[in-house]
């Protein structure tokens, strides 16, 4: 059986709008968001900055976690981001 990776991630816009998503290829998905290749929320609100991500080997866990975070208040999402990324650095800045 092949091991898979799944990621729950949060993208932010310059104005602070947050988007939570799930992907099996984080590099590709972030690149798509940054280049406005995905129609919808992230393109409309220019969510181009990766500020948080978590990895799991189970797709069901990833989907459950995504739904959990989406249900949180903005304050709780900000606390999650700040717990590992206090300066809201774009975590994909140094990706090639």
Protein backbone atom coordinates (compact mmCIF):
# COMPACT_ATOMS: atom_id res chain seq x y z
CA UNK A 1 0.00 0.00 0.00
CA UNK A 2 1.35 3.41 -0.96
CA UNK A 3 1.67 6.05 1.71
CA UNK A 4 -0.10 9.29 0.89
CA UNK A 5 0.31 12.71 2.38
CA UNK A 6 -2.56 15.09 2.97
CA UNK A 7 -2.33 18.65 4.14
CA UNK A 8 -4.72 20.98 5.89
CA UNK A 9 -3.61 24.53 5.22
CA UNK A 10 -4.55 28.15 5.79
CA UNK A 11 -3.97 30.86 3.20
CA UNK A 12 -4.22 34.56 4.05
CA UNK A 13 -4.69 37.68 1.98
CA UNK A 14 -2.82 40.94 2.50
CA UNK A 15 -5.96 42.33 4.16
CA UNK A 16 -6.18 39.33 6.53
CA UNK A 17 -8.89 37.21 4.92
CA UNK A 18 -8.34 33.54 5.78
CA UNK A 19 -9.05 30.41 3.74
CA UNK A 20 -8.75 26.86 5.04
CA UNK A 21 -8.33 23.99 2.60
CA UNK A 22 -7.11 20.43 2.17
CA UNK A 23 -4.79 19.04 -0.51
CA UNK A 24 -2.65 16.00 -1.24
CA UNK A 25 0.04 18.09 -2.97
CA UNK A 26 0.61 21.23 -0.93
CA UNK A 27 3.28 22.69 -3.21
CA UNK A 28 1.06 22.45 -6.27
CA UNK A 29 -2.05 23.75 -4.48
CA UNK A 30 -0.26 26.77 -2.99
CA UNK A 31 1.20 27.57 -6.42
CA UNK A 32 -2.31 27.39 -7.88
CA UNK A 33 -3.63 29.78 -5.22
CA UNK A 34 -0.74 32.21 -5.68
CA UNK A 35 -1.34 32.29 -9.44
CA UNK A 36 -5.15 32.59 -9.17
CA UNK A 37 -5.68 29.32 -11.03
CA UNK A 38 -8.48 28.13 -8.73
CA UNK A 39 -11.78 29.91 -9.26
CA UNK A 40 -13.62 30.94 -6.13
CA UNK A 41 -12.84 32.33 -2.70
CA UNK A 42 -9.04 32.45 -2.77
CA UNK A 43 -8.97 34.09 -6.18
CA UNK A 44 -11.68 36.60 -5.26
CA UNK A 45 -10.00 37.57 -1.98
CA UNK A 46 -6.38 37.21 -3.16
CA UNK A 47 -5.39 34.65 -0.52
CA UNK A 48 -1.80 34.15 -1.64
CA UNK A 49 0.12 33.68 1.61
CA UNK A 50 0.54 30.24 3.22
CA UNK A 51 0.44 30.91 6.96
CA UNK A 52 -0.26 27.45 8.41
CA UNK A 53 -0.26 23.81 7.41
CA UNK A 54 -0.54 20.40 9.03
CA UNK A 55 0.29 17.02 7.52
CA UNK A 56 -1.41 13.66 7.94
CA UNK A 57 -1.32 10.31 6.19
CA UNK A 58 -5.08 9.84 6.32
CA UNK A 59 -7.50 11.64 4.02
CA UNK A 60 -10.43 11.29 6.44
CA UNK A 61 -8.38 12.89 9.23
CA UNK A 62 -7.44 15.74 6.91
CA UNK A 63 -11.06 16.39 5.91
CA UNK A 64 -12.23 16.19 9.53
CA UNK A 65 -9.53 18.65 10.61
CA UNK A 66 -10.35 21.03 7.74
CA UNK A 67 -14.03 21.06 8.78
CA UNK A 68 -13.04 21.57 12.42
CA UNK A 69 -10.86 24.60 11.63
CA UNK A 70 -13.46 26.05 9.24
CA UNK A 71 -15.96 25.93 12.11
CA UNK A 72 -13.72 27.89 14.45
CA UNK A 73 -13.96 31.58 15.21
CA UNK A 74 -11.47 33.90 13.56
CA UNK A 75 -9.82 34.41 16.95
CA UNK A 76 -9.19 30.68 17.37
CA UNK A 77 -7.79 30.42 13.80
CA UNK A 78 -5.46 33.34 14.51
CA UNK A 79 -4.27 31.65 17.71
CA UNK A 80 -3.52 28.47 15.76
CA UNK A 81 -1.50 30.40 13.17
CA UNK A 82 0.38 32.42 15.79
CA UNK A 83 1.24 29.31 17.81
CA UNK A 84 3.63 28.14 15.07
CA UNK A 85 4.00 31.21 12.87
CA UNK A 86 3.86 34.26 15.17
CA UNK A 87 4.86 36.75 12.47
CA UNK A 88 2.50 35.33 9.83
CA UNK A 89 5.45 34.65 7.51
CA UNK A 90 4.59 33.16 4.12
CA UNK A 91 5.70 29.58 4.74
CA UNK A 92 6.11 28.99 1.01
CA UNK A 93 8.47 31.92 0.38
CA UNK A 94 11.58 29.76 0.12
CA UNK A 95 10.01 26.96 -1.94
CA UNK A 96 11.57 26.41 -5.34
